[in-house]
């Protein structure tokens, strides 16, 4: 990864590594603003969600920011969280969201 200069490419490598490590069908990196989350990298099952934006209110991402810890649900699609409304064709079962922290600042979630 040290040889990669393109941020999107680097984050995609991170997604692929996370999916592989967790034996998951996909992964994504979300960067948050005040009201919305932006999917800035994605792979596998979550690939079609790349560059989509979703409201943070009611999202797992918002829960993760509040706790600064890993949060999850057993079935994202059934939970009807904001991500499922902006990417309705993606059917996700169990989902974990982990904070990406650098220098004590949260820079996003994986």
Protein backbone atom coordinates (compact mmCIF):
# COMPACT_ATOMS: atom_id res chain seq x y z
CA UNK A 1 0.00 0.00 0.00
CA UNK A 2 2.92 2.36 0.56
CA UNK A 3 3.47 2.54 -3.21
CA UNK A 4 -0.07 3.79 -3.91
CA UNK A 5 -0.51 7.57 -4.24
CA UNK A 6 -4.19 7.67 -5.30
CA UNK A 7 -6.42 7.98 -2.19
CA UNK A 8 -9.41 6.22 -3.79
CA UNK A 9 -7.20 3.33 -4.90
CA UNK A 10 -5.64 3.09 -1.43
CA UNK A 11 -9.07 3.03 0.23
CA UNK A 12 -10.24 0.37 -2.23
CA UNK A 13 -7.23 -1.76 -1.24
CA UNK A 14 -8.25 -1.23 2.39
CA UNK A 15 -11.80 -2.37 1.56
CA UNK A 16 -10.52 -5.48 -0.22
CA UNK A 17 -8.22 -6.33 2.68
CA UNK A 18 -11.03 -5.88 5.22
CA UNK A 19 -13.43 -8.02 3.20
CA UNK A 20 -10.79 -10.72 2.86
CA UNK A 21 -9.84 -10.60 6.54
CA UNK A 22 -13.49 -10.89 7.62
CA UNK A 23 -14.44 -13.39 4.90
CA UNK A 24 -17.12 -10.88 3.86
CA UNK A 25 -18.73 -10.46 0.43
CA UNK A 26 -17.87 -6.75 0.39
CA UNK A 27 -16.71 -3.69 2.26
CA UNK A 28 -16.89 0.12 2.06
CA UNK A 29 -15.28 3.23 3.51
CA UNK A 30 -17.57 6.06 4.54
CA UNK A 31 -16.52 9.66 5.12
CA UNK A 32 -18.97 11.73 7.12
CA UNK A 33 -20.01 15.33 6.95
CA UNK A 34 -22.42 16.95 9.38
CA UNK A 35 -25.60 15.45 7.94
CA UNK A 36 -24.56 12.91 5.29
CA UNK A 37 -22.14 10.03 4.80
CA UNK A 38 -20.32 9.60 1.50
CA UNK A 39 -19.21 6.16 0.34
CA UNK A 40 -15.72 6.98 -0.92
CA UNK A 41 -14.50 3.43 -1.58
CA UNK A 42 -16.24 0.07 -1.93
CA UNK A 43 -15.67 -3.44 -3.16
CA UNK A 44 -17.59 -6.65 -3.73
CA UNK A 45 -21.27 -6.66 -2.80
CA UNK A 46 -21.06 -2.98 -1.73
CA UNK A 47 -19.34 -1.88 -4.96
CA UNK A 48 -22.57 -0.49 -6.49
CA UNK A 49 -22.90 1.88 -3.50
CA UNK A 50 -19.66 3.71 -4.39
CA UNK A 51 -20.11 7.51 -4.50
CA UNK A 52 -23.60 7.30 -3.01
CA UNK A 53 -24.54 9.60 -0.17
CA UNK A 54 -26.89 8.73 2.69
CA UNK A 55 -28.32 10.62 5.67
CA UNK A 56 -26.42 9.94 8.88
CA UNK A 57 -29.55 10.19 11.01
CA UNK A 58 -30.58 6.65 11.92
CA UNK A 59 -27.47 5.10 10.37
CA UNK A 60 -25.04 2.59 11.84
CA UNK A 61 -22.32 5.07 10.98
CA UNK A 62 -23.89 7.64 13.32
CA UNK A 63 -24.04 4.95 16.05
CA UNK A 64 -20.35 4.20 15.48
CA UNK A 65 -19.41 7.89 15.69
CA UNK A 66 -21.34 8.24 18.95
CA UNK A 67 -19.61 5.25 20.58
CA UNK A 68 -16.22 5.46 18.79
CA UNK A 69 -16.46 1.66 18.70
CA UNK A 70 -17.52 -1.13 16.37
CA UNK A 71 -21.30 -1.41 15.94
CA UNK A 72 -23.37 -3.88 13.96
CA UNK A 73 -26.71 -5.35 13.00
CA UNK A 74 -27.71 -8.91 12.18
CA UNK A 75 -29.57 -7.93 9.00
CA UNK A 76 -29.03 -4.46 7.50
CA UNK A 77 -31.73 -4.87 4.86
CA UNK A 78 -34.35 -5.85 7.44
CA UNK A 79 -33.25 -3.02 9.75
CA UNK A 80 -34.17 -0.47 7.03
CA UNK A 81 -31.24 1.85 7.79
CA UNK A 82 -30.57 4.88 5.52
CA UNK A 83 -28.03 3.03 3.36
CA UNK A 84 -30.71 0.57 2.28
CA UNK A 85 -32.84 3.45 0.96
CA UNK A 86 -30.10 4.92 -1.26
CA UNK A 87 -28.91 1.52 -2.51
CA UNK A 88 -32.07 -0.63 -2.49
CA UNK A 89 -30.67 -3.25 -4.87
CA UNK A 90 -27.96 -4.21 -2.39
CA UNK A 91 -29.19 -6.84 0.05
CA UNK A 92 -26.91 -6.94 3.08
CA UNK A 93 -27.32 -9.31 6.00
CA UNK A 94 -24.95 -8.94 8.95
CA UNK A 95 -22.95 -5.71 8.93
CA UNK A 96 -20.24 -4.28 11.17
CA UNK A 97 -19.03 -0.67 11.07
CA UNK A 98 -15.62 0.12 12.57
CA UNK A 99 -14.10 3.56 13.13
CA UNK A 100 -11.07 4.68 11.15
CA UNK A 101 -9.05 6.83 13.53
CA UNK A 102 -5.81 8.69 12.87
CA UNK A 103 -4.04 10.94 15.38
CA UNK A 104 -7.03 10.68 17.73
CA UNK A 105 -9.41 12.01 15.04
CA UNK A 106 -12.11 9.94 13.44
CA UNK A 107 -11.58 10.13 9.69
CA UNK A 108 -14.31 7.73 8.63
CA UNK A 109 -15.69 4.26 9.05
CA UNK A 110 -15.09 0.90 7.44
